[in-house]
Amino acid sequence: NMLKPEDTAIYYCAATYDDYGCPDGE
């Protein structure tokens, strides 16, 4: 919401199997 021009980018989703994967997972 409330998107700004500086939000312009390619966005990727990703997944990790690490037990403590958020925010420091591989």
mmCIF file of all heavy atoms, coordinates in Angstrom:
data_MODEL
# 
_entry.id   MODEL 
# 
loop_
_atom_site.group_PDB 
_atom_site.id 
_atom_site.type_symbol 
_atom_site.label_atom_id 
_atom_site.label_alt_id 
_atom_site.label_comp_id 
_atom_site.label_asym_id 
_atom_site.label_entity_id 
_atom_site.label_seq_id 
_atom_site.pdbx_PDB_ins_code 
_atom_site.Cartn_x 
_atom_site.Cartn_y 
_atom_site.Cartn_z 
_atom_site.occupancy 
_atom_site.B_iso_or_equiv 
_atom_site.pdbx_formal_charge 
_atom_site.auth_seq_id 
_atom_site.auth_comp_id 
_atom_site.auth_asym_id 
_atom_site.auth_atom_id 
_atom_site.pdbx_PDB_model_num 
ATOM 1   N N   . ASN A 1 1  ? 0.832  -1.196  0.000   1.00 0.00 ? 1  ASN A N   1 
ATOM 2   C CA  . ASN A 1 1  ? 0.000  0.000   0.000   1.00 0.00 ? 1  ASN A CA  1 
ATOM 3   C C   . ASN A 1 1  ? 0.867  1.246   0.000   1.00 0.00 ? 1  ASN A C   1 
ATOM 4   O O   . ASN A 1 1  ? 2.042  1.205   0.369   1.00 0.00 ? 1  ASN A O   1 
ATOM 5   C CB  . ASN A 1 1  ? -0.926 0.014   1.219   1.00 0.00 ? 1  ASN A CB  1 
ATOM 6   C CG  . ASN A 1 1  ? -1.886 -1.146  1.253   1.00 0.00 ? 1  ASN A CG  1 
ATOM 7   O OD1 . ASN A 1 1  ? -2.384 -1.594  0.222   1.00 0.00 ? 1  ASN A OD1 1 
ATOM 8   N ND2 . ASN A 1 1  ? -2.169 -1.646  2.462   1.00 0.00 ? 1  ASN A ND2 1 
ATOM 9   N N   . MET A 1 2  ? 0.277  2.364   -0.387  1.00 0.00 ? 2  MET A N   1 
ATOM 10  C CA  . MET A 1 2  ? 0.972  3.650   -0.414  1.00 0.00 ? 2  MET A CA  1 
ATOM 11  C C   . MET A 1 2  ? 2.310  3.541   -1.126  1.00 0.00 ? 2  MET A C   1 
ATOM 12  O O   . MET A 1 2  ? 3.351  3.957   -0.621  1.00 0.00 ? 2  MET A O   1 
ATOM 13  C CB  . MET A 1 2  ? 1.153  4.191   1.008   1.00 0.00 ? 2  MET A CB  1 
ATOM 14  C CG  . MET A 1 2  ? -0.155 4.469   1.738   1.00 0.00 ? 2  MET A CG  1 
ATOM 15  S SD  . MET A 1 2  ? -1.169 5.710   0.893   1.00 0.00 ? 2  MET A SD  1 
ATOM 16  C CE  . MET A 1 2  ? -0.122 7.154   1.008   1.00 0.00 ? 2  MET A CE  1 
ATOM 17  N N   . LEU A 1 3  ? 2.264  2.999   -2.329  1.00 0.00 ? 3  LEU A N   1 
ATOM 18  C CA  . LEU A 1 3  ? 3.482  2.762   -3.091  1.00 0.00 ? 3  LEU A CA  1 
ATOM 19  C C   . LEU A 1 3  ? 4.135  4.068   -3.521  1.00 0.00 ? 3  LEU A C   1 
ATOM 20  O O   . LEU A 1 3  ? 3.455  5.049   -3.826  1.00 0.00 ? 3  LEU A O   1 
ATOM 21  C CB  . LEU A 1 3  ? 3.180  1.894   -4.304  1.00 0.00 ? 3  LEU A CB  1 
ATOM 22  C CG  . LEU A 1 3  ? 2.963  0.412   -3.983  1.00 0.00 ? 3  LEU A CG  1 
ATOM 23  C CD1 . LEU A 1 3  ? 2.236  -0.285  -5.114  1.00 0.00 ? 3  LEU A CD1 1 
ATOM 24  C CD2 . LEU A 1 3  ? 4.307  -0.261  -3.708  1.00 0.00 ? 3  LEU A CD2 1 
ATOM 25  N N   . LYS A 1 4  ? 5.460  4.062   -3.539  1.00 0.00 ? 4  LYS A N   1 
ATOM 26  C CA  . LYS A 1 4  ? 6.279  5.207   -3.896  1.00 0.00 ? 4  LYS A CA  1 
ATOM 27  C C   . LYS A 1 4  ? 7.122  4.878   -5.123  1.00 0.00 ? 4  LYS A C   1 
ATOM 28  O O   . LYS A 1 4  ? 7.404  3.712   -5.383  1.00 0.00 ? 4  LYS A O   1 
ATOM 29  C CB  . LYS A 1 4  ? 7.202  5.588   -2.732  1.00 0.00 ? 4  LYS A CB  1 
ATOM 30  C CG  . LYS A 1 4  ? 6.497  5.852   -1.414  1.00 0.00 ? 4  LYS A CG  1 
ATOM 31  C CD  . LYS A 1 4  ? 7.512  6.085   -0.303  1.00 0.00 ? 4  LYS A CD  1 
ATOM 32  C CE  . LYS A 1 4  ? 6.838  6.328   1.026   1.00 0.00 ? 4  LYS A CE  1 
ATOM 33  N NZ  . LYS A 1 4  ? 7.833  6.539   2.107   1.00 0.00 ? 4  LYS A NZ  1 
ATOM 34  N N   . PRO A 1 5  ? 7.547  5.897   -5.875  1.00 0.00 ? 5  PRO A N   1 
ATOM 35  C CA  . PRO A 1 5  ? 8.418  5.614   -7.026  1.00 0.00 ? 5  PRO A CA  1 
ATOM 36  C C   . PRO A 1 5  ? 9.660  4.815   -6.665  1.00 0.00 ? 5  PRO A C   1 
ATOM 37  O O   . PRO A 1 5  ? 10.109 3.982   -7.469  1.00 0.00 ? 5  PRO A O   1 
ATOM 38  C CB  . PRO A 1 5  ? 8.773  7.011   -7.546  1.00 0.00 ? 5  PRO A CB  1 
ATOM 39  C CG  . PRO A 1 5  ? 7.594  7.841   -7.163  1.00 0.00 ? 5  PRO A CG  1 
ATOM 40  C CD  . PRO A 1 5  ? 7.147  7.310   -5.827  1.00 0.00 ? 5  PRO A CD  1 
ATOM 41  N N   . GLU A 1 6  ? 10.213 5.025   -5.480  1.00 0.00 ? 6  GLU A N   1 
ATOM 42  C CA  . GLU A 1 6  ? 11.402 4.292   -5.067  1.00 0.00 ? 6  GLU A CA  1 
ATOM 43  C C   . GLU A 1 6  ? 11.130 2.822   -4.770  1.00 0.00 ? 6  GLU A C   1 
ATOM 44  O O   . GLU A 1 6  ? 12.069 2.060   -4.527  1.00 0.00 ? 6  GLU A O   1 
ATOM 45  C CB  . GLU A 1 6  ? 12.068 4.957   -3.851  1.00 0.00 ? 6  GLU A CB  1 
ATOM 46  C CG  . GLU A 1 6  ? 11.118 5.225   -2.696  1.00 0.00 ? 6  GLU A CG  1 
ATOM 47  C CD  . GLU A 1 6  ? 10.600 6.655   -2.684  1.00 0.00 ? 6  GLU A CD  1 
ATOM 48  O OE1 . GLU A 1 6  ? 10.252 7.168   -3.765  1.00 0.00 ? 6  GLU A OE1 1 
ATOM 49  O OE2 . GLU A 1 6  ? 10.551 7.257   -1.594  1.00 0.00 ? 6  GLU A OE2 1 
ATOM 50  N N   . ASP A 1 7  ? 9.866  2.408   -4.771  1.00 0.00 ? 7  ASP A N   1 
ATOM 51  C CA  . ASP A 1 7  ? 9.533  0.994   -4.654  1.00 0.00 ? 7  ASP A CA  1 
ATOM 52  C C   . ASP A 1 7  ? 9.691  0.249   -5.977  1.00 0.00 ? 7  ASP A C   1 
ATOM 53  O O   . ASP A 1 7  ? 9.565  -0.982  -6.000  1.00 0.00 ? 7  ASP A O   1 
ATOM 54  C CB  . ASP A 1 7  ? 8.100  0.814   -4.145  1.00 0.00 ? 7  ASP A CB  1 
ATOM 55  C CG  . ASP A 1 7  ? 7.905  1.310   -2.724  1.00 0.00 ? 7  ASP A CG  1 
ATOM 56  O OD1 . ASP A 1 7  ? 8.794  1.079   -1.879  1.00 0.00 ? 7  ASP A OD1 1 
ATOM 57  O OD2 . ASP A 1 7  ? 6.851  1.919   -2.457  1.00 0.00 ? 7  ASP A OD2 1 
ATOM 58  N N   . THR A 1 8  ? 9.927  0.969   -7.056  1.00 0.00 ? 8  THR A N   1 
ATOM 59  C CA  . THR A 1 8  ? 10.083 0.346   -8.363  1.00 0.00 ? 8  THR A CA  1 
ATOM 60  C C   . THR A 1 8  ? 11.267 -0.613  -8.356  1.00 0.00 ? 8  THR A C   1 
ATOM 61  O O   . THR A 1 8  ? 12.389 -0.230  -8.033  1.00 0.00 ? 8  THR A O   1 
ATOM 62  C CB  . THR A 1 8  ? 10.278 1.407   -9.447  1.00 0.00 ? 8  THR A CB  1 
ATOM 63  O OG1 . THR A 1 8  ? 9.100  2.218   -9.535  1.00 0.00 ? 8  THR A OG1 1 
ATOM 64  C CG2 . THR A 1 8  ? 10.534 0.760   -10.803 1.00 0.00 ? 8  THR A CG2 1 
ATOM 65  N N   . ALA A 1 9  ? 11.020 -1.869  -8.700  1.00 0.00 ? 9  ALA A N   1 
ATOM 66  C CA  . ALA A 1 9  ? 12.051 -2.906  -8.669  1.00 0.00 ? 9  ALA A CA  1 
ATOM 67  C C   . ALA A 1 9  ? 11.457 -4.203  -9.191  1.00 0.00 ? 9  ALA A C   1 
ATOM 68  O O   . ALA A 1 9  ? 10.250 -4.310  -9.419  1.00 0.00 ? 9  ALA A O   1 
ATOM 69  C CB  . ALA A 1 9  ? 12.572 -3.114  -7.239  1.00 0.00 ? 9  ALA A CB  1 
ATOM 70  N N   . ILE A 1 10 ? 12.324 -5.190  -9.385  1.00 0.00 ? 10 ILE A N   1 
ATOM 71  C CA  . ILE A 1 10 ? 11.875 -6.551  -9.604  1.00 0.00 ? 10 ILE A CA  1 
ATOM 72  C C   . ILE A 1 10 ? 11.730 -7.208  -8.234  1.00 0.00 ? 10 ILE A C   1 
ATOM 73  O O   . ILE A 1 10 ? 12.660 -7.180  -7.428  1.00 0.00 ? 10 ILE A O   1 
ATOM 74  C CB  . ILE A 1 10 ? 12.852 -7.353  -10.477 1.00 0.00 ? 10 ILE A CB  1 
ATOM 75  C CG1 . ILE A 1 10 ? 13.011 -6.694  -11.846 1.00 0.00 ? 10 ILE A CG1 1 
ATOM 76  C CG2 . ILE A 1 10 ? 12.361 -8.784  -10.654 1.00 0.00 ? 10 ILE A CG2 1 
ATOM 77  C CD1 . ILE A 1 10 ? 14.048 -7.357  -12.730 1.00 0.00 ? 10 ILE A CD1 1 
ATOM 78  N N   . TYR A 1 11 ? 10.581 -7.785  -7.985  1.00 0.00 ? 11 TYR A N   1 
ATOM 79  C CA  . TYR A 1 11 ? 10.291 -8.407  -6.704  1.00 0.00 ? 11 TYR A CA  1 
ATOM 80  C C   . TYR A 1 11 ? 10.335 -9.924  -6.835  1.00 0.00 ? 11 TYR A C   1 
ATOM 81  O O   . TYR A 1 11 ? 9.801  -10.492 -7.788  1.00 0.00 ? 11 TYR A O   1 
ATOM 82  C CB  . TYR A 1 11 ? 8.916  -7.969  -6.189  1.00 0.00 ? 11 TYR A CB  1 
ATOM 83  C CG  . TYR A 1 11 ? 8.914  -6.572  -5.627  1.00 0.00 ? 11 TYR A CG  1 
ATOM 84  C CD1 . TYR A 1 11 ? 9.048  -5.470  -6.458  1.00 0.00 ? 11 TYR A CD1 1 
ATOM 85  C CD2 . TYR A 1 11 ? 8.786  -6.352  -4.255  1.00 0.00 ? 11 TYR A CD2 1 
ATOM 86  C CE1 . TYR A 1 11 ? 9.060  -4.185  -5.943  1.00 0.00 ? 11 TYR A CE1 1 
ATOM 87  C CE2 . TYR A 1 11 ? 8.790  -5.070  -3.736  1.00 0.00 ? 11 TYR A CE2 1 
ATOM 88  C CZ  . TYR A 1 11 ? 8.926  -3.993  -4.582  1.00 0.00 ? 11 TYR A CZ  1 
ATOM 89  O OH  . TYR A 1 11 ? 8.932  -2.713  -4.064  1.00 0.00 ? 11 TYR A OH  1 
ATOM 90  N N   . TYR A 1 12 ? 10.973 -10.576 -5.862  1.00 0.00 ? 12 TYR A N   1 
ATOM 91  C CA  . TYR A 1 12 ? 11.135 -12.018 -5.844  1.00 0.00 ? 12 TYR A CA  1 
ATOM 92  C C   . TYR A 1 12 ? 10.592 -12.588 -4.539  1.00 0.00 ? 12 TYR A C   1 
ATOM 93  O O   . TYR A 1 12 ? 10.785 -12.007 -3.474  1.00 0.00 ? 12 TYR A O   1 
ATOM 94  C CB  . TYR A 1 12 ? 12.611 -12.420 -5.939  1.00 0.00 ? 12 TYR A CB  1 
ATOM 95  C CG  . TYR A 1 12 ? 13.345 -11.929 -7.161  1.00 0.00 ? 12 TYR A CG  1 
ATOM 96  C CD1 . TYR A 1 12 ? 13.960 -10.683 -7.170  1.00 0.00 ? 12 TYR A CD1 1 
ATOM 97  C CD2 . TYR A 1 12 ? 13.437 -12.722 -8.297  1.00 0.00 ? 12 TYR A CD2 1 
ATOM 98  C CE1 . TYR A 1 12 ? 14.641 -10.231 -8.282  1.00 0.00 ? 12 TYR A CE1 1 
ATOM 99  C CE2 . TYR A 1 12 ? 14.121 -12.279 -9.416  1.00 0.00 ? 12 TYR A CE2 1 
ATOM 100 C CZ  . TYR A 1 12 ? 14.722 -11.029 -9.400  1.00 0.00 ? 12 TYR A CZ  1 
ATOM 101 O OH  . TYR A 1 12 ? 15.408 -10.593 -10.505 1.00 0.00 ? 12 TYR A OH  1 
ATOM 102 N N   . CYS A 1 13 ? 9.931  -13.732 -4.611  1.00 0.00 ? 13 CYS A N   1 
ATOM 103 C CA  . CYS A 1 13 ? 9.655  -14.495 -3.404  1.00 0.00 ? 13 CYS A CA  1 
ATOM 104 C C   . CYS A 1 13 ? 10.682 -15.605 -3.285  1.00 0.00 ? 13 CYS A C   1 
ATOM 105 O O   . CYS A 1 13 ? 11.264 -16.059 -4.276  1.00 0.00 ? 13 CYS A O   1 
ATOM 106 C CB  . CYS A 1 13 ? 8.228  -15.053 -3.386  1.00 0.00 ? 13 CYS A CB  1 
ATOM 107 S SG  . CYS A 1 13 ? 7.884  -16.374 -4.553  1.00 0.00 ? 13 CYS A SG  1 
ATOM 108 N N   . ALA A 1 14 ? 10.923 -16.032 -2.058  1.00 0.00 ? 14 ALA A N   1 
ATOM 109 C CA  . ALA A 1 14 ? 11.936 -17.034 -1.790  1.00 0.00 ? 14 ALA A CA  1 
ATOM 110 C C   . ALA A 1 14 ? 11.518 -17.870 -0.590  1.00 0.00 ? 14 ALA A C   1 
ATOM 111 O O   . ALA A 1 14 ? 10.637 -17.483 0.180   1.00 0.00 ? 14 ALA A O   1 
ATOM 112 C CB  . ALA A 1 14 ? 13.297 -16.378 -1.533  1.00 0.00 ? 14 ALA A CB  1 
ATOM 113 N N   . ALA A 1 15 ? 12.162 -19.023 -0.435  1.00 0.00 ? 15 ALA A N   1 
ATOM 114 C CA  . ALA A 1 15 ? 11.859 -19.932 0.661   1.00 0.00 ? 15 ALA A CA  1 
ATOM 115 C C   . ALA A 1 15 ? 13.147 -20.502 1.225   1.00 0.00 ? 15 ALA A C   1 
ATOM 116 O O   . ALA A 1 15 ? 14.146 -20.645 0.515   1.00 0.00 ? 15 ALA A O   1 
ATOM 117 C CB  . ALA A 1 15 ? 10.942 -21.067 0.200   1.00 0.00 ? 15 ALA A CB  1 
ATOM 118 N N   . THR A 1 16 ? 13.109 -20.836 2.518   1.00 0.00 ? 16 THR A N   1 
ATOM 119 C CA  . THR A 1 16 ? 14.253 -21.431 3.193   1.00 0.00 ? 16 THR A CA  1 
ATOM 120 C C   . THR A 1 16 ? 13.810 -22.613 4.023   1.00 0.00 ? 16 THR A C   1 
ATOM 121 O O   . THR A 1 16 ? 12.696 -22.623 4.567   1.00 0.00 ? 16 THR A O   1 
ATOM 122 C CB  . THR A 1 16 ? 14.977 -20.398 4.079   1.00 0.00 ? 16 THR A CB  1 
ATOM 123 O OG1 . THR A 1 16 ? 16.051 -21.041 4.772   1.00 0.00 ? 16 THR A OG1 1 
ATOM 124 C CG2 . THR A 1 16 ? 14.027 -19.791 5.107   1.00 0.00 ? 16 THR A CG2 1 
ATOM 125 N N   . TYR A 1 17 ? 14.686 -23.608 4.124   1.00 0.00 ? 17 TYR A N   1 
ATOM 126 C CA  . TYR A 1 17 ? 14.457 -24.752 4.987   1.00 0.00 ? 17 TYR A CA  1 
ATOM 127 C C   . TYR A 1 17 ? 15.030 -24.523 6.393   1.00 0.00 ? 17 TYR A C   1 
ATOM 128 O O   . TYR A 1 17 ? 14.820 -25.355 7.274   1.00 0.00 ? 17 TYR A O   1 
ATOM 129 C CB  . TYR A 1 17 ? 15.095 -26.010 4.404   1.00 0.00 ? 17 TYR A CB  1 
ATOM 130 C CG  . TYR A 1 17 ? 14.468 -26.551 3.140   1.00 0.00 ? 17 TYR A CG  1 
ATOM 131 C CD1 . TYR A 1 17 ? 15.062 -27.611 2.456   1.00 0.00 ? 17 TYR A CD1 1 
ATOM 132 C CD2 . TYR A 1 17 ? 13.293 -26.030 2.624   1.00 0.00 ? 17 TYR A CD2 1 
ATOM 133 C CE1 . TYR A 1 17 ? 14.510 -28.116 1.300   1.00 0.00 ? 17 TYR A CE1 1 
ATOM 134 C CE2 . TYR A 1 17 ? 12.726 -26.525 1.468   1.00 0.00 ? 17 TYR A CE2 1 
ATOM 135 C CZ  . TYR A 1 17 ? 13.343 -27.576 0.800   1.00 0.00 ? 17 TYR A CZ  1 
ATOM 136 O OH  . TYR A 1 17 ? 12.781 -28.081 -0.350  1.00 0.00 ? 17 TYR A OH  1 
ATOM 137 N N   . ASP A 1 18 ? 15.767 -23.434 6.624   1.00 0.00 ? 18 ASP A N   1 
ATOM 138 C CA  . ASP A 1 18 ? 16.388 -23.179 7.915   1.00 0.00 ? 18 ASP A CA  1 
ATOM 139 C C   . ASP A 1 18 ? 15.345 -23.033 9.011   1.00 0.00 ? 18 ASP A C   1 
ATOM 140 O O   . ASP A 1 18 ? 14.307 -22.389 8.819   1.00 0.00 ? 18 ASP A O   1 
ATOM 141 C CB  . ASP A 1 18 ? 17.243 -21.913 7.869   1.00 0.00 ? 18 ASP A CB  1 
ATOM 142 C CG  . ASP A 1 18 ? 18.475 -22.049 7.008   1.00 0.00 ? 18 ASP A CG  1 
ATOM 143 O OD1 . ASP A 1 18 ? 18.805 -23.178 6.604   1.00 0.00 ? 18 ASP A OD1 1 
ATOM 144 O OD2 . ASP A 1 18 ? 19.109 -21.008 6.734   1.00 0.00 ? 18 ASP A OD2 1 
ATOM 145 N N   . ASP A 1 19 ? 15.643 -23.605 10.195  1.00 0.00 ? 19 ASP A N   1 
ATOM 146 C CA  . ASP A 1 19 ? 14.712 -23.523 11.319  1.00 0.00 ? 19 ASP A CA  1 
ATOM 147 C C   . ASP A 1 19 ? 14.449 -22.083 11.741  1.00 0.00 ? 19 ASP A C   1 
ATOM 148 O O   . ASP A 1 19 ? 13.334 -21.738 12.122  1.00 0.00 ? 19 ASP A O   1 
ATOM 149 C CB  . ASP A 1 19 ? 15.252 -24.317 12.511  1.00 0.00 ? 19 ASP A CB  1 
ATOM 150 C CG  . ASP A 1 19 ? 15.153 -25.814 12.316  1.00 0.00 ? 19 ASP A CG  1 
ATOM 151 O OD1 . ASP A 1 19 ? 14.444 -26.262 11.396  1.00 0.00 ? 19 ASP A OD1 1 
ATOM 152 O OD2 . ASP A 1 19 ? 15.788 -26.559 13.094  1.00 0.00 ? 19 ASP A OD2 1 
ATOM 153 N N   . TYR A 1 20 ? 15.478 -21.237 11.697  1.00 0.00 ? 20 TYR A N   1 
ATOM 154 C CA  . TYR A 1 20 ? 15.362 -19.830 12.066  1.00 0.00 ? 20 TYR A CA  1 
ATOM 155 C C   . TYR A 1 20 ? 15.564 -18.974 10.821  1.00 0.00 ? 20 TYR A C   1 
ATOM 156 O O   . TYR A 1 20 ? 16.468 -18.147 10.745  1.00 0.00 ? 20 TYR A O   1 
ATOM 157 C CB  . TYR A 1 20 ? 16.356 -19.491 13.174  1.00 0.00 ? 20 TYR A CB  1 
ATOM 158 C CG  . TYR A 1 20 ? 16.141 -20.297 14.427  1.00 0.00 ? 20 TYR A CG  1 
ATOM 159 C CD1 . TYR A 1 20 ? 16.885 -21.438 14.680  1.00 0.00 ? 20 TYR A CD1 1 
ATOM 160 C CD2 . TYR A 1 20 ? 15.173 -19.922 15.353  1.00 0.00 ? 20 TYR A CD2 1 
ATOM 161 C CE1 . TYR A 1 20 ? 16.672 -22.191 15.821  1.00 0.00 ? 20 TYR A CE1 1 
ATOM 162 C CE2 . TYR A 1 20 ? 14.952 -20.671 16.497  1.00 0.00 ? 20 TYR A CE2 1 
ATOM 163 C CZ  . TYR A 1 20 ? 15.704 -21.806 16.728  1.00 0.00 ? 20 TYR A CZ  1 
ATOM 164 O OH  . TYR A 1 20 ? 15.485 -22.544 17.876  1.00 0.00 ? 20 TYR A OH  1 
ATOM 165 N N   . GLY A 1 21 ? 14.701 -19.184 9.849   1.00 0.00 ? 21 GLY A N   1 
ATOM 166 C CA  . GLY A 1 21 ? 14.884 -18.598 8.532   1.00 0.00 ? 21 GLY A CA  1 
ATOM 167 C C   . GLY A 1 21 ? 14.422 -17.169 8.366   1.00 0.00 ? 21 GLY A C   1 
ATOM 168 O O   . GLY A 1 21 ? 14.600 -16.601 7.283   1.00 0.00 ? 21 GLY A O   1 
ATOM 169 N N   . CYS A 1 22 ? 13.823 -16.580 9.387   1.00 0.00 ? 22 CYS A N   1 
ATOM 170 C CA  . CYS A 1 22 ? 13.356 -15.200 9.300   1.00 0.00 ? 22 CYS A CA  1 
ATOM 171 C C   . CYS A 1 22 ? 13.883 -14.422 10.482  1.00 0.00 ? 22 CYS A C   1 
ATOM 172 O O   . CYS A 1 22 ? 13.539 -14.739 11.628  1.00 0.00 ? 22 CYS A O   1 
ATOM 173 C CB  . CYS A 1 22 ? 11.833 -15.165 9.253   1.00 0.00 ? 22 CYS A CB  1 
ATOM 174 S SG  . CYS A 1 22 ? 11.118 -13.513 9.173   1.00 0.00 ? 22 CYS A SG  1 
ATOM 175 N N   . PRO A 1 23 ? 14.735 -13.393 10.242  1.00 0.00 ? 23 PRO A N   1 
ATOM 176 C CA  . PRO A 1 23 ? 15.120 -12.847 8.944   1.00 0.00 ? 23 PRO A CA  1 
ATOM 177 C C   . PRO A 1 23 ? 16.449 -13.353 8.388   1.00 0.00 ? 23 PRO A C   1 
ATOM 178 O O   . PRO A 1 23 ? 16.846 -12.918 7.305   1.00 0.00 ? 23 PRO A O   1 
ATOM 179 C CB  . PRO A 1 23 ? 15.235 -11.353 9.250   1.00 0.00 ? 23 PRO A CB  1 
ATOM 180 C CG  . PRO A 1 23 ? 15.768 -11.321 10.644  1.00 0.00 ? 23 PRO A CG  1 
ATOM 181 C CD  . PRO A 1 23 ? 15.135 -12.507 11.350  1.00 0.00 ? 23 PRO A CD  1 
ATOM 182 N N   . ASP A 1 24 ? 17.130 -14.253 9.098   1.00 0.00 ? 24 ASP A N   1 
ATOM 183 C CA  . ASP A 1 24 ? 18.524 -14.570 8.788   1.00 0.00 ? 24 ASP A CA  1 
ATOM 184 C C   . ASP A 1 24 ? 18.718 -15.901 8.082   1.00 0.00 ? 24 ASP A C   1 
ATOM 185 O O   . ASP A 1 24 ? 19.832 -16.430 8.051   1.00 0.00 ? 24 ASP A O   1 
ATOM 186 C CB  . ASP A 1 24 ? 19.362 -14.545 10.065  1.00 0.00 ? 24 ASP A CB  1 
ATOM 187 C CG  . ASP A 1 24 ? 19.358 -13.190 10.742  1.00 0.00 ? 24 ASP A CG  1 
ATOM 188 O OD1 . ASP A 1 24 ? 19.391 -12.174 10.015  1.00 0.00 ? 24 ASP A OD1 1 
ATOM 189 O OD2 . ASP A 1 24 ? 19.322 -13.148 11.983  1.00 0.00 ? 24 ASP A OD2 1 
ATOM 190 N N   . GLY A 1 25 ? 17.694 -16.470 7.525   1.00 0.00 ? 25 GLY A N   1 
ATOM 191 C CA  . GLY A 1 25 ? 17.819 -17.749 6.864   1.00 0.00 ? 25 GLY A CA  1 
ATOM 192 C C   . GLY A 1 25 ? 18.548 -17.665 5.531   1.00 0.00 ? 25 GLY A C   1 
ATOM 193 O O   . GLY A 1 25 ? 18.669 -16.594 4.924   1.00 0.00 ? 25 GLY A O   1 
ATOM 194 N N   . GLU A 1 26 ? 19.033 -18.810 5.085   1.00 0.00 ? 26 GLU A N   1 
ATOM 195 C CA  . GLU A 1 26 ? 19.625 -18.922 3.756   1.00 0.00 ? 26 GLU A CA  1 
ATOM 196 C C   . GLU A 1 26 ? 18.506 -19.298 2.788   1.00 0.00 ? 26 GLU A C   1 
ATOM 197 O O   . GLU A 1 26 ? 18.019 -20.430 2.804   1.00 0.00 ? 26 GLU A O   1 
ATOM 198 C CB  . GLU A 1 26 ? 20.739 -19.967 3.745   1.00 0.00 ? 26 GLU A CB  1 
ATOM 199 C CG  . GLU A 1 26 ? 21.413 -20.122 2.394   1.00 0.00 ? 26 GLU A CG  1 
ATOM 200 C CD  . GLU A 1 26 ? 22.511 -21.169 2.403   1.00 0.00 ? 26 GLU A CD  1 
ATOM 201 O OE1 . GLU A 1 26 ? 22.710 -21.814 3.446   1.00 0.00 ? 26 GLU A OE1 1 
ATOM 202 O OE2 . GLU A 1 26 ? 23.170 -21.335 1.363   1.00 0.00 ? 26 GLU A OE2 1 
# 
